PDB file of all heavy atoms in Angstrom:
ATOM      1  N   ARG A   1       0.823  -1.202  -0.001  1.00  0.00           N
ATOM      2  CA  ARG A   1       0.007   0.006  -0.011  1.00  0.00           C
ATOM      3  C   ARG A   1       0.861   1.268   0.005  1.00  0.00           C
ATOM      4  O   ARG A   1       0.568   2.224  -0.673  1.00  0.00           O
ATOM      5  CB  ARG A   1      -0.956   0.013   1.205  1.00  0.00           C
ATOM      6  CG  ARG A   1      -2.125  -0.868   1.048  1.00  0.00           C
ATOM      7  CD  ARG A   1      -3.219  -0.477   1.940  1.00  0.00           C
ATOM      8  NE  ARG A   1      -4.337  -1.390   1.846  1.00  0.00           N
ATOM      9  CZ  ARG A   1      -5.320  -1.436   2.727  1.00  0.00           C
ATOM     10  NH1 ARG A   1      -5.338  -0.627   3.774  1.00  0.00           N
ATOM     11  NH2 ARG A   1      -6.292  -2.285   2.597  1.00  0.00           N
ATOM     12  N   LEU A   2       1.931   1.218   0.771  1.00  0.00           N
ATOM     13  CA  LEU A   2       2.851   2.354   0.830  1.00  0.00           C
ATOM     14  C   LEU A   2       3.450   2.622  -0.593  1.00  0.00           C
ATOM     15  O   LEU A   2       3.470   3.752  -1.038  1.00  0.00           O
ATOM     16  CB  LEU A   2       3.978   2.141   1.827  1.00  0.00           C
ATOM     17  CG  LEU A   2       4.968   3.276   1.977  1.00  0.00           C
ATOM     18  CD1 LEU A   2       4.282   4.547   2.534  1.00  0.00           C
ATOM     19  CD2 LEU A   2       6.107   2.872   2.872  1.00  0.00           C
ATOM     20  N   TYR A   3       3.836   1.558  -1.252  1.00  0.00           N
ATOM     21  CA  TYR A   3       4.392   1.666  -2.604  1.00  0.00           C
ATOM     22  C   TYR A   3       3.390   2.350  -3.528  1.00  0.00           C
ATOM     23  O   TYR A   3       3.724   3.342  -4.234  1.00  0.00           O
ATOM     24  CB  TYR A   3       4.744   0.263  -3.123  1.00  0.00           C
ATOM     25  CG  TYR A   3       5.211   0.205  -4.522  1.00  0.00           C
ATOM     26  CD1 TYR A   3       6.488   0.664  -4.877  1.00  0.00           C
ATOM     27  CD2 TYR A   3       4.426  -0.346  -5.507  1.00  0.00           C
ATOM     28  CE1 TYR A   3       6.929   0.583  -6.198  1.00  0.00           C
ATOM     29  CE2 TYR A   3       4.857  -0.424  -6.826  1.00  0.00           C
ATOM     30  CZ  TYR A   3       6.130   0.046  -7.156  1.00  0.00           C
ATOM     31  OH  TYR A   3       6.564  -0.054  -8.473  1.00  0.00           O
ATOM     32  N   ASP A   4       2.144   1.897  -3.521  1.00  0.00           N
ATOM     33  CA  ASP A   4       1.129   2.490  -4.379  1.00  0.00           C
ATOM     34  C   ASP A   4       0.909   3.959  -4.053  1.00  0.00           C
ATOM     35  O   ASP A   4       0.821   4.793  -4.957  1.00  0.00           O
ATOM     36  CB  ASP A   4      -0.211   1.730  -4.219  1.00  0.00           C
ATOM     37  CG  ASP A   4      -0.160   0.358  -4.867  1.00  0.00           C
ATOM     38  OD1 ASP A   4       0.704   0.074  -5.701  1.00  0.00           O
ATOM     39  OD2 ASP A   4      -0.998  -0.501  -4.457  1.00  0.00           O
ATOM     40  N   LEU A   5       0.792   4.260  -2.781  1.00  0.00           N
ATOM     41  CA  LEU A   5       0.513   5.644  -2.390  1.00  0.00           C
ATOM     42  C   LEU A   5       1.711   6.568  -2.638  1.00  0.00           C
ATOM     43  O   LEU A   5       1.500   7.707  -3.085  1.00  0.00           O
ATOM     44  CB  LEU A   5       0.069   5.682  -0.936  1.00  0.00           C
ATOM     45  CG  LEU A   5      -1.299   5.037  -0.693  1.00  0.00           C
ATOM     46  CD1 LEU A   5      -1.545   4.820   0.771  1.00  0.00           C
ATOM     47  CD2 LEU A   5      -2.392   5.896  -1.311  1.00  0.00           C
ATOM     48  N   VAL A   6       2.906   6.110  -2.365  1.00  0.00           N
ATOM     49  CA  VAL A   6       4.087   6.968  -2.635  1.00  0.00           C
ATOM     50  C   VAL A   6       4.205   7.253  -4.156  1.00  0.00           C
ATOM     51  O   VAL A   6       4.481   8.361  -4.534  1.00  0.00           O
ATOM     52  CB  VAL A   6       5.376   6.249  -2.091  1.00  0.00           C
ATOM     53  CG1 VAL A   6       6.617   7.030  -2.584  1.00  0.00           C
ATOM     54  CG2 VAL A   6       5.371   6.250  -0.579  1.00  0.00           C
ATOM     55  N   ARG A   7       3.902   6.214  -4.942  1.00  0.00           N
ATOM     56  CA  ARG A   7       3.950   6.468  -6.384  1.00  0.00           C
ATOM     57  C   ARG A   7       2.892   7.476  -6.804  1.00  0.00           C
ATOM     58  O   ARG A   7       3.151   8.359  -7.627  1.00  0.00           O
ATOM     59  CB  ARG A   7       3.717   5.153  -7.169  1.00  0.00           C
ATOM     60  CG  ARG A   7       4.915   4.260  -7.139  1.00  0.00           C
ATOM     61  CD  ARG A   7       4.753   3.022  -7.940  1.00  0.00           C
ATOM     62  NE  ARG A   7       3.377   2.734  -8.241  1.00  0.00           N
ATOM     63  CZ  ARG A   7       2.966   1.844  -9.135  1.00  0.00           C
ATOM     64  NH1 ARG A   7       3.814   1.124  -9.805  1.00  0.00           N
ATOM     65  NH2 ARG A   7       1.691   1.652  -9.364  1.00  0.00           N
ATOM     66  N   MET A   8       1.678   7.410  -6.258  1.00  0.00           N
ATOM     67  CA  MET A   8       0.615   8.373  -6.578  1.00  0.00           C
ATOM     68  C   MET A   8       1.022   9.777  -6.158  1.00  0.00           C
ATOM     69  O   MET A   8       0.834  10.704  -6.931  1.00  0.00           O
ATOM     70  CB  MET A   8      -0.703   7.973  -5.910  1.00  0.00           C
ATOM     71  CG  MET A   8      -1.413   6.860  -6.539  1.00  0.00           C
ATOM     72  SD  MET A   8      -2.987   6.584  -5.727  1.00  0.00           S
ATOM     73  CE  MET A   8      -3.034   4.790  -5.641  1.00  0.00           C
ATOM     74  N   VAL A   9       1.532   9.914  -4.965  1.00  0.00           N
ATOM     75  CA  VAL A   9       1.909  11.235  -4.483  1.00  0.00           C
ATOM     76  C   VAL A   9       3.113  11.742  -5.282  1.00  0.00           C
ATOM     77  O   VAL A   9       3.148  12.928  -5.681  1.00  0.00           O
ATOM     78  CB  VAL A   9       2.257  11.229  -2.971  1.00  0.00           C
ATOM     79  CG1 VAL A   9       2.841  12.518  -2.521  1.00  0.00           C
ATOM     80  CG2 VAL A   9       0.975  10.929  -2.161  1.00  0.00           C
ATOM     81  N   HIS A  10       4.045  10.903  -5.586  1.00  0.00           N
ATOM     82  CA  HIS A  10       5.255  11.288  -6.312  1.00  0.00           C
ATOM     83  C   HIS A  10       4.946  11.830  -7.716  1.00  0.00           C
ATOM     84  O   HIS A  10       5.543  12.788  -8.158  1.00  0.00           O
ATOM     85  CB  HIS A  10       6.277  10.174  -6.367  1.00  0.00           C
ATOM     86  CG  HIS A  10       7.511  10.507  -7.067  1.00  0.00           C
ATOM     87  ND1 HIS A  10       8.453  11.340  -6.521  1.00  0.00           N
ATOM     88  CD2 HIS A  10       8.026  10.131  -8.284  1.00  0.00           C
ATOM     89  CE1 HIS A  10       9.490  11.500  -7.312  1.00  0.00           C
ATOM     90  NE2 HIS A  10       9.220  10.783  -8.406  1.00  0.00           N
ATOM     91  N   VAL A  11       4.071  11.141  -8.449  1.00  0.00           N
ATOM     92  CA  VAL A  11       3.765  11.602  -9.796  1.00  0.00           C
ATOM     93  C   VAL A  11       2.757  12.749  -9.786  1.00  0.00           C
ATOM     94  O   VAL A  11       2.512  13.341 -10.810  1.00  0.00           O
ATOM     95  CB  VAL A  11       3.231  10.442 -10.696  1.00  0.00           C
ATOM     96  CG1 VAL A  11       4.242   9.334 -10.812  1.00  0.00           C
ATOM     97  CG2 VAL A  11       1.908   9.925 -10.200  1.00  0.00           C
ATOM     98  N   ASP A  12       2.230  13.084  -8.612  1.00  0.00           N
ATOM     99  CA  ASP A  12       1.288  14.127  -8.472  1.00  0.00           C
ATOM    100  C   ASP A  12       2.018  15.457  -8.430  1.00  0.00           C
ATOM    101  O   ASP A  12       3.233  15.515  -8.529  1.00  0.00           O
ATOM    102  CB  ASP A  12       0.494  13.912  -7.156  1.00  0.00           C
ATOM    103  CG  ASP A  12      -0.939  14.354  -7.270  1.00  0.00           C
ATOM    104  OD1 ASP A  12      -1.144  15.557  -7.362  1.00  0.00           O
ATOM    105  OD2 ASP A  12      -1.817  13.523  -7.283  1.00  0.00           O
ATOM    106  N   THR A  13       1.287  16.539  -8.286  1.00  0.00           N
ATOM    107  CA  THR A  13       1.904  17.846  -8.178  1.00  0.00           C
ATOM    108  C   THR A  13       2.289  18.227  -6.763  1.00  0.00           C
ATOM    109  O   THR A  13       2.708  19.354  -6.500  1.00  0.00           O
ATOM    110  CB  THR A  13       0.928  18.907  -8.728  1.00  0.00           C
ATOM    111  OG1 THR A  13      -0.284  18.864  -7.968  1.00  0.00           O
ATOM    112  CG2 THR A  13       0.645  18.693 -10.204  1.00  0.00           C
ATOM    113  N   ILE A  14       2.140  17.292  -5.829  1.00  0.00           N
ATOM    114  CA  ILE A  14       2.524  17.562  -4.445  1.00  0.00           C
ATOM    115  C   ILE A  14       4.035  17.387  -4.313  1.00  0.00           C
ATOM    116  O   ILE A  14       4.540  16.310  -4.605  1.00  0.00           O
ATOM    117  CB  ILE A  14       1.790  16.569  -3.471  1.00  0.00           C
ATOM    118  CG1 ILE A  14       0.276  16.699  -3.645  1.00  0.00           C
ATOM    119  CG2 ILE A  14       2.158  16.910  -2.029  1.00  0.00           C
ATOM    120  CD1 ILE A  14      -0.512  15.646  -2.907  1.00  0.00           C
ATOM    121  N   ASN A  15       4.747  18.392  -3.899  1.00  0.00           N
ATOM    122  CA  ASN A  15       6.180  18.352  -3.800  1.00  0.00           C
ATOM    123  C   ASN A  15       6.646  18.932  -2.459  1.00  0.00           C
ATOM    124  O   ASN A  15       5.901  19.609  -1.770  1.00  0.00           O
ATOM    125  CB  ASN A  15       6.813  19.118  -4.945  1.00  0.00           C
ATOM    126  CG  ASN A  15       6.586  18.474  -6.266  1.00  0.00           C
ATOM    127  OD1 ASN A  15       6.768  17.279  -6.455  1.00  0.00           O
ATOM    128  ND2 ASN A  15       6.139  19.287  -7.227  1.00  0.00           N
ATOM    129  N   GLY A  16       7.931  18.660  -2.160  1.00  0.00           N
ATOM    130  CA  GLY A  16       8.578  19.276  -0.998  1.00  0.00           C
ATOM    131  C   GLY A  16       7.943  18.893   0.312  1.00  0.00           C
ATOM    132  O   GLY A  16       7.632  17.716   0.561  1.00  0.00           O
ATOM    133  N   ASP A  17       7.818  19.861   1.211  1.00  0.00           N
ATOM    134  CA  ASP A  17       7.320  19.603   2.534  1.00  0.00           C
ATOM    135  C   ASP A  17       5.917  19.058   2.549  1.00  0.00           C
ATOM    136  O   ASP A  17       5.551  18.212   3.364  1.00  0.00           O
ATOM    137  CB  ASP A  17       7.347  20.903   3.385  1.00  0.00           C
ATOM    138  CG  ASP A  17       8.759  21.340   3.728  1.00  0.00           C
ATOM    139  OD1 ASP A  17       9.687  20.497   3.628  1.00  0.00           O
ATOM    140  OD2 ASP A  17       8.970  22.522   4.053  1.00  0.00           O
ATOM    141  N   SER A  18       5.076  19.496   1.629  1.00  0.00           N
ATOM    142  CA  SER A  18       3.663  18.991   1.577  1.00  0.00           C
ATOM    143  C   SER A  18       3.681  17.522   1.237  1.00  0.00           C
ATOM    144  O   SER A  18       2.914  16.733   1.802  1.00  0.00           O
ATOM    145  CB  SER A  18       2.872  19.753   0.509  1.00  0.00           C
ATOM    146  OG  SER A  18       2.704  21.121   0.856  1.00  0.00           O
ATOM    147  N   GLU A  19       4.556  17.120   0.291  1.00  0.00           N
ATOM    148  CA  GLU A  19       4.661  15.716  -0.059  1.00  0.00           C
ATOM    149  C   GLU A  19       5.102  14.888   1.133  1.00  0.00           C
ATOM    150  O   GLU A  19       4.486  13.857   1.428  1.00  0.00           O
ATOM    151  CB  GLU A  19       5.682  15.583  -1.213  1.00  0.00           C
ATOM    152  CG  GLU A  19       5.929  14.179  -1.686  1.00  0.00           C
ATOM    153  CD  GLU A  19       6.961  14.123  -2.802  1.00  0.00           C
ATOM    154  OE1 GLU A  19       8.104  14.618  -2.603  1.00  0.00           O
ATOM    155  OE2 GLU A  19       6.614  13.605  -3.872  1.00  0.00           O
ATOM    156  N   HIS A  20       6.129  15.321   1.815  1.00  0.00           N
ATOM    157  CA  HIS A  20       6.612  14.586   3.000  1.00  0.00           C
ATOM    158  C   HIS A  20       5.562  14.528   4.110  1.00  0.00           C
ATOM    159  O   HIS A  20       5.371  13.488   4.721  1.00  0.00           O
ATOM    160  CB  HIS A  20       7.918  15.188   3.513  1.00  0.00           C
ATOM    161  CG  HIS A  20       9.118  14.751   2.766  1.00  0.00           C
ATOM    162  ND1 HIS A  20       9.490  15.262   1.547  1.00  0.00           N
ATOM    163  CD2 HIS A  20      10.044  13.790   3.061  1.00  0.00           C
ATOM    164  CE1 HIS A  20      10.590  14.679   1.141  1.00  0.00           C
ATOM    165  NE2 HIS A  20      10.925  13.789   2.016  1.00  0.00           N
ATOM    166  N   SER A  21       4.933  15.637   4.342  1.00  0.00           N
ATOM    167  CA  SER A  21       3.924  15.715   5.400  1.00  0.00           C
ATOM    168  C   SER A  21       2.747  14.734   5.127  1.00  0.00           C
ATOM    169  O   SER A  21       2.350  13.984   6.024  1.00  0.00           O
ATOM    170  CB  SER A  21       3.362  17.125   5.506  1.00  0.00           C
ATOM    171  OG  SER A  21       2.354  17.201   6.470  1.00  0.00           O
ATOM    172  N   LEU A  22       2.242  14.756   3.894  1.00  0.00           N
ATOM    173  CA  LEU A  22       1.159  13.823   3.544  1.00  0.00           C
ATOM    174  C   LEU A  22       1.592  12.415   3.647  1.00  0.00           C
ATOM    175  O   LEU A  22       0.864  11.543   4.231  1.00  0.00           O
ATOM    176  CB  LEU A  22       0.658  14.169   2.132  1.00  0.00           C
ATOM    177  CG  LEU A  22      -0.509  13.302   1.613  1.00  0.00           C
ATOM    178  CD1 LEU A  22      -1.753  13.419   2.542  1.00  0.00           C
ATOM    179  CD2 LEU A  22      -0.869  13.679   0.194  1.00  0.00           C
ATOM    180  N   LEU A  23       2.751  12.075   3.158  1.00  0.00           N
ATOM    181  CA  LEU A  23       3.220  10.719   3.187  1.00  0.00           C
ATOM    182  C   LEU A  23       3.473  10.241   4.580  1.00  0.00           C
ATOM    183  O   LEU A  23       3.285   9.084   4.920  1.00  0.00           O
ATOM    184  CB  LEU A  23       4.452  10.543   2.293  1.00  0.00           C
ATOM    185  CG  LEU A  23       4.153  10.566   0.779  1.00  0.00           C
ATOM    186  CD1 LEU A  23       5.466  10.581  -0.023  1.00  0.00           C
ATOM    187  CD2 LEU A  23       3.268   9.402   0.380  1.00  0.00           C
ATOM    188  N   LYS A  24       3.964  11.111   5.463  1.00  0.00           N
ATOM    189  CA  LYS A  24       4.197  10.722   6.864  1.00  0.00           C
ATOM    190  C   LYS A  24       2.873  10.363   7.531  1.00  0.00           C
ATOM    191  O   LYS A  24       2.748   9.349   8.223  1.00  0.00           O
ATOM    192  CB  LYS A  24       4.850  11.853   7.639  1.00  0.00           C
ATOM    193  CG  LYS A  24       6.352  12.028   7.345  1.00  0.00           C
ATOM    194  CD  LYS A  24       6.952  13.184   8.106  1.00  0.00           C
ATOM    195  CE  LYS A  24       8.345  13.442   7.689  1.00  0.00           C
ATOM    196  NZ  LYS A  24       8.891  14.631   8.350  1.00  0.00           N
ATOM    197  N   LYS A  25       1.829  11.195   7.278  1.00  0.00           N
ATOM    198  CA  LYS A  25       0.481  10.918   7.818  1.00  0.00           C
ATOM    199  C   LYS A  25      -0.007   9.537   7.316  1.00  0.00           C
ATOM    200  O   LYS A  25      -0.511   8.740   8.076  1.00  0.00           O
ATOM    201  CB  LYS A  25      -0.508  11.985   7.411  1.00  0.00           C
ATOM    202  CG  LYS A  25      -0.311  13.322   8.048  1.00  0.00           C
ATOM    203  CD  LYS A  25      -1.361  14.280   7.495  1.00  0.00           C
ATOM    204  CE  LYS A  25      -1.211  15.687   7.994  1.00  0.00           C
ATOM    205  NZ  LYS A  25      -2.283  16.548   7.450  1.00  0.00           N
ATOM    206  N   ILE A  26       0.152   9.310   6.007  1.00  0.00           N
ATOM    207  CA  ILE A  26      -0.332   8.071   5.435  1.00  0.00           C
ATOM    208  C   ILE A  26       0.447   6.906   6.008  1.00  0.00           C
ATOM    209  O   ILE A  26      -0.163   5.864   6.343  1.00  0.00           O
ATOM    210  CB  ILE A  26      -0.190   8.124   3.882  1.00  0.00           C
ATOM    211  CG1 ILE A  26      -1.220   9.091   3.304  1.00  0.00           C
ATOM    212  CG2 ILE A  26      -0.335   6.732   3.276  1.00  0.00           C
ATOM    213  CD1 ILE A  26      -1.057   9.400   1.834  1.00  0.00           C
ATOM    214  N   ALA A  27       1.749   7.019   6.101  1.00  0.00           N
ATOM    215  CA  ALA A  27       2.574   5.887   6.613  1.00  0.00           C
ATOM    216  C   ALA A  27       2.188   5.550   8.069  1.00  0.00           C
ATOM    217  O   ALA A  27       2.054   4.363   8.457  1.00  0.00           O
ATOM    218  CB  ALA A  27       4.059   6.227   6.548  1.00  0.00           C
ATOM    219  N   ILE A  28       1.940   6.557   8.889  1.00  0.00           N
ATOM    220  CA  ILE A  28       1.509   6.312  10.273  1.00  0.00           C
ATOM    221  C   ILE A  28       0.140   5.640  10.258  1.00  0.00           C
ATOM    222  O   ILE A  28      -0.126   4.693  11.008  1.00  0.00           O
ATOM    223  CB  ILE A  28       1.481   7.634  11.102  1.00  0.00           C
ATOM    224  CG1 ILE A  28       2.917   8.094  11.307  1.00  0.00           C
ATOM    225  CG2 ILE A  28       0.755   7.468  12.421  1.00  0.00           C
ATOM    226  CD1 ILE A  28       3.065   9.488  11.887  1.00  0.00           C
ATOM    227  N   GLY A  29      -0.758   6.113   9.381  1.00  0.00           N
ATOM    228  CA  GLY A  29      -2.072   5.500   9.259  1.00  0.00           C
ATOM    229  C   GLY A  29      -2.000   4.071   8.782  1.00  0.00           C
ATOM    230  O   GLY A  29      -2.909   3.259   9.123  1.00  0.00           O
ATOM    231  N   LEU A  30      -0.983   3.737   8.024  1.00  0.00           N
ATOM    232  CA  LEU A  30      -0.825   2.334   7.576  1.00  0.00           C
ATOM    233  C   LEU A  30      -0.223   1.438   8.658  1.00  0.00           C
ATOM    234  O   LEU A  30      -0.202   0.224   8.472  1.00  0.00           O
ATOM    235  CB  LEU A  30       0.104   2.316   6.321  1.00  0.00           C
ATOM    236  CG  LEU A  30      -0.516   2.774   5.013  1.00  0.00           C
ATOM    237  CD1 LEU A  30       0.539   2.827   3.963  1.00  0.00           C
ATOM    238  CD2 LEU A  30      -1.649   1.872   4.613  1.00  0.00           C
ATOM    239  N   GLY A  31       0.221   2.037   9.769  1.00  0.00           N
ATOM    240  CA  GLY A  31       0.724   1.237  10.848  1.00  0.00           C
ATOM    241  C   GLY A  31       2.211   1.288  11.084  1.00  0.00           C
ATOM    242  O   GLY A  31       2.728   0.531  11.863  1.00  0.00           O
ATOM    243  N   PHE A  32       2.920   2.131  10.336  1.00  0.00           N
ATOM    244  CA  PHE A  32       4.350   2.251  10.557  1.00  0.00           C
ATOM    245  C   PHE A  32       4.589   3.096  11.825  1.00  0.00           C
ATOM    246  O   PHE A  32       3.878   3.998  12.098  1.00  0.00           O
ATOM    247  CB  PHE A  32       5.040   2.917   9.341  1.00  0.00           C
ATOM    248  CG  PHE A  32       5.041   2.023   8.107  1.00  0.00           C
ATOM    249  CD1 PHE A  32       4.082   2.202   7.134  1.00  0.00           C
ATOM    250  CD2 PHE A  32       5.954   1.000   7.951  1.00  0.00           C
ATOM    251  CE1 PHE A  32       4.035   1.405   6.013  1.00  0.00           C
ATOM    252  CE2 PHE A  32       5.930   0.181   6.834  1.00  0.00           C
ATOM    253  CZ  PHE A  32       4.958   0.423   5.855  1.00  0.00           C
ATOM    254  N   HIS A  33       5.673   2.761  12.516  1.00  0.00           N
ATOM    255  CA  HIS A  33       5.980   3.441  13.787  1.00  0.00           C
ATOM    256  C   HIS A  33       6.381   4.869  13.491  1.00  0.00           C
ATOM    257  O   HIS A  33       7.229   5.127  12.652  1.00  0.00           O
ATOM    258  CB  HIS A  33       7.081   2.680  14.528  1.00  0.00           C
ATOM    259  CG  HIS A  33       7.168   3.057  15.935  1.00  0.00           C
ATOM    260  ND1 HIS A  33       7.764   4.239  16.366  1.00  0.00           N
ATOM    261  CD2 HIS A  33       6.760   2.436  17.038  1.00  0.00           C
ATOM    262  CE1 HIS A  33       7.671   4.339  17.677  1.00  0.00           C
ATOM    263  NE2 HIS A  33       7.076   3.233  18.131  1.00  0.00           N
ATOM    264  N   PRO A  34       5.811   5.830  14.252  1.00  0.00           N
ATOM    265  CA  PRO A  34       6.112   7.259  14.007  1.00  0.00           C
ATOM    266  C   PRO A  34       7.586   7.610  14.104  1.00  0.00           C
ATOM    267  O   PRO A  34       8.007   8.482  13.356  1.00  0.00           O
ATOM    268  CB  PRO A  34       5.315   7.957  15.144  1.00  0.00           C
ATOM    269  CG  PRO A  34       4.190   7.033  15.472  1.00  0.00           C
ATOM    270  CD  PRO A  34       4.748   5.637  15.276  1.00  0.00           C
ATOM    271  N   GLU A  35       8.340   6.893  14.893  1.00  0.00           N
ATOM    272  CA  GLU A  35       9.775   7.200  14.987  1.00  0.00           C
ATOM    273  C   GLU A  35      10.542   6.852  13.716  1.00  0.00           C
ATOM    274  O   GLU A  35      11.549   7.430  13.432  1.00  0.00           O
ATOM    275  CB  GLU A  35      10.385   6.480  16.200  1.00  0.00           C
ATOM    276  CG  GLU A  35       9.942   7.028  17.513  1.00  0.00           C
ATOM    277  CD  GLU A  35      10.594   6.293  18.701  1.00  0.00           C
ATOM    278  OE1 GLU A  35      11.580   5.565  18.494  1.00  0.00           O
ATOM    279  OE2 GLU A  35      10.070   6.425  19.796  1.00  0.00           O
ATOM    280  N   ASN A  36      10.024   5.879  12.949  1.00  0.00           N
ATOM    281  CA  ASN A  36      10.689   5.433  11.735  1.00  0.00           C
ATOM    282  C   ASN A  36      10.154   6.055  10.448  1.00  0.00           C
ATOM    283  O   ASN A  36      10.758   5.875   9.402  1.00  0.00           O
ATOM    284  CB  ASN A  36      10.606   3.919  11.609  1.00  0.00           C
ATOM    285  CG  ASN A  36      11.223   3.186  12.793  1.00  0.00           C
ATOM    286  OD1 ASN A  36      12.151   3.690  13.373  1.00  0.00           O
ATOM    287  ND2 ASN A  36      10.671   2.052  13.125  1.00  0.00           N
ATOM    288  N   VAL A  37       9.021   6.745  10.530  1.00  0.00           N
ATOM    289  CA  VAL A  37       8.357   7.186   9.379  1.00  0.00           C
ATOM    290  C   VAL A  37       9.176   8.061   8.452  1.00  0.00           C
ATOM    291  O   VAL A  37       9.203   7.940   7.239  1.00  0.00           O
ATOM    292  CB  VAL A  37       7.017   7.892   9.711  1.00  0.00           C
ATOM    293  CG1 VAL A  37       6.425   8.626   8.574  1.00  0.00           C
ATOM    294  CG2 VAL A  37       6.006   6.806  10.184  1.00  0.00           C
ATOM    295  N   LYS A  38       9.922   9.015   9.035  1.00  0.00           N
ATOM    296  CA  LYS A  38      10.743   9.916   8.209  1.00  0.00           C
ATOM    297  C   LYS A  38      11.735   9.125   7.358  1.00  0.00           C
ATOM    298  O   LYS A  38      11.866   9.390   6.141  1.00  0.00           O
ATOM    299  CB  LYS A  38      11.514  10.892   9.100  1.00  0.00           C
ATOM    300  CG  LYS A  38      12.393  11.832   8.313  1.00  0.00           C
ATOM    301  CD  LYS A  38      13.386  12.595   9.192  1.00  0.00           C
ATOM    302  CE  LYS A  38      14.244  13.509   8.436  1.00  0.00           C
ATOM    303  NZ  LYS A  38      14.823  13.091   7.188  1.00  0.00           N
ATOM    304  N   TYR A  39      12.357   8.145   7.952  1.00  0.00           N
ATOM    305  CA  TYR A  39      13.322   7.365   7.201  1.00  0.00           C
ATOM    306  C   TYR A  39      12.693   6.491   6.132  1.00  0.00           C
ATOM    307  O   TYR A  39      13.208   6.326   5.036  1.00  0.00           O
ATOM    308  CB  TYR A  39      14.178   6.496   8.164  1.00  0.00           C
ATOM    309  CG  TYR A  39      14.762   7.328   9.299  1.00  0.00           C
ATOM    310  CD1 TYR A  39      14.294   7.268  10.557  1.00  0.00           C
ATOM    311  CD2 TYR A  39      15.793   8.242   9.008  1.00  0.00           C
ATOM    312  CE1 TYR A  39      14.833   8.037  11.578  1.00  0.00           C
ATOM    313  CE2 TYR A  39      16.338   9.018  10.035  1.00  0.00           C
ATOM    314  CZ  TYR A  39      15.856   8.912  11.306  1.00  0.00           C
ATOM    315  OH  TYR A  39      16.378   9.724  12.292  1.00  0.00           O
ATOM    316  N   ILE A  40      11.542   5.940   6.497  1.00  0.00           N
ATOM    317  CA  ILE A  40      10.801   5.075   5.555  1.00  0.00           C
ATOM    318  C   ILE A  40      10.353   5.917   4.324  1.00  0.00           C
ATOM    319  O   ILE A  40      10.514   5.463   3.205  1.00  0.00           O
ATOM    320  CB  ILE A  40       9.627   4.369   6.245  1.00  0.00           C
ATOM    321  CG1 ILE A  40      10.121   3.339   7.261  1.00  0.00           C
ATOM    322  CG2 ILE A  40       8.696   3.726   5.234  1.00  0.00           C
ATOM    323  CD1 ILE A  40       9.106   2.821   8.199  1.00  0.00           C
ATOM    324  N   ILE A  41       9.810   7.091   4.607  1.00  0.00           N
ATOM    325  CA  ILE A  41       9.335   7.964   3.529  1.00  0.00           C
ATOM    326  C   ILE A  41      10.481   8.424   2.650  1.00  0.00           C
ATOM    327  O   ILE A  41      10.411   8.417   1.432  1.00  0.00           O
ATOM    328  CB  ILE A  41       8.513   9.153   4.080  1.00  0.00           C
ATOM    329  CG1 ILE A  41       7.255   8.653   4.752  1.00  0.00           C
ATOM    330  CG2 ILE A  41       8.215  10.179   2.987  1.00  0.00           C
ATOM    331  CD1 ILE A  41       6.350   7.810   3.860  1.00  0.00           C
ATOM    332  N   ASP A  42      11.578   8.845   3.297  1.00  0.00           N
ATOM    333  CA  ASP A  42      12.767   9.259   2.456  1.00  0.00           C
ATOM    334  C   ASP A  42      13.224   8.156   1.559  1.00  0.00           C
ATOM    335  O   ASP A  42      13.474   8.339   0.365  1.00  0.00           O
ATOM    336  CB  ASP A  42      13.907   9.699   3.384  1.00  0.00           C
ATOM    337  CG  ASP A  42      13.630  11.027   4.080  1.00  0.00           C
ATOM    338  OD1 ASP A  42      12.756  11.782   3.629  1.00  0.00           O
ATOM    339  OD2 ASP A  42      14.320  11.365   5.057  1.00  0.00           O
ATOM    340  N   LYS A  43      13.319   6.927   2.117  1.00  0.00           N
ATOM    341  CA  LYS A  43      13.778   5.769   1.313  1.00  0.00           C
ATOM    342  C   LYS A  43      12.715   5.444   0.217  1.00  0.00           C
ATOM    343  O   LYS A  43      13.086   5.191  -0.942  1.00  0.00           O
ATOM    344  CB  LYS A  43      13.993   4.552   2.244  1.00  0.00           C
ATOM    345  CG  LYS A  43      14.464   3.321   1.524  1.00  0.00           C
ATOM    346  CD  LYS A  43      15.893   3.488   1.068  1.00  0.00           C
ATOM    347  CE  LYS A  43      16.423   2.149   0.539  1.00  0.00           C
ATOM    348  NZ  LYS A  43      17.842   2.230   0.187  1.00  0.00           N
ATOM    349  N   ALA A  44      11.460   5.471   0.626  1.00  0.00           N
ATOM    350  CA  ALA A  44      10.417   5.160  -0.372  1.00  0.00           C
ATOM    351  C   ALA A  44      10.407   6.165  -1.547  1.00  0.00           C
ATOM    352  O   ALA A  44      10.270   5.763  -2.696  1.00  0.00           O
ATOM    353  CB  ALA A  44       9.046   5.176   0.315  1.00  0.00           C
ATOM    354  N   LEU A  45      10.532   7.430  -1.257  1.00  0.00           N
ATOM    355  CA  LEU A  45      10.598   8.447  -2.318  1.00  0.00           C
ATOM    356  C   LEU A  45      11.820   8.251  -3.190  1.00  0.00           C
ATOM    357  O   LEU A  45      11.734   8.417  -4.410  1.00  0.00           O
ATOM    358  CB  LEU A  45      10.569   9.823  -1.699  1.00  0.00           C
ATOM    359  CG  LEU A  45       9.208  10.327  -1.232  1.00  0.00           C
ATOM    360  CD1 LEU A  45       9.337  11.622  -0.404  1.00  0.00           C
ATOM    361  CD2 LEU A  45       8.280  10.522  -2.400  1.00  0.00           C
TER     362      LEU A  45
END
């Protein structure tokens, strides 16, 4: 699910801080630990 959503956000017009903020929220909602989300999102992007 993260892969699908990161791809959707990445090809979208959402960039920079907004992109990271939205993806962090989504990753936490998917059940990833909040302490690891920044690293997971950076790697995923």
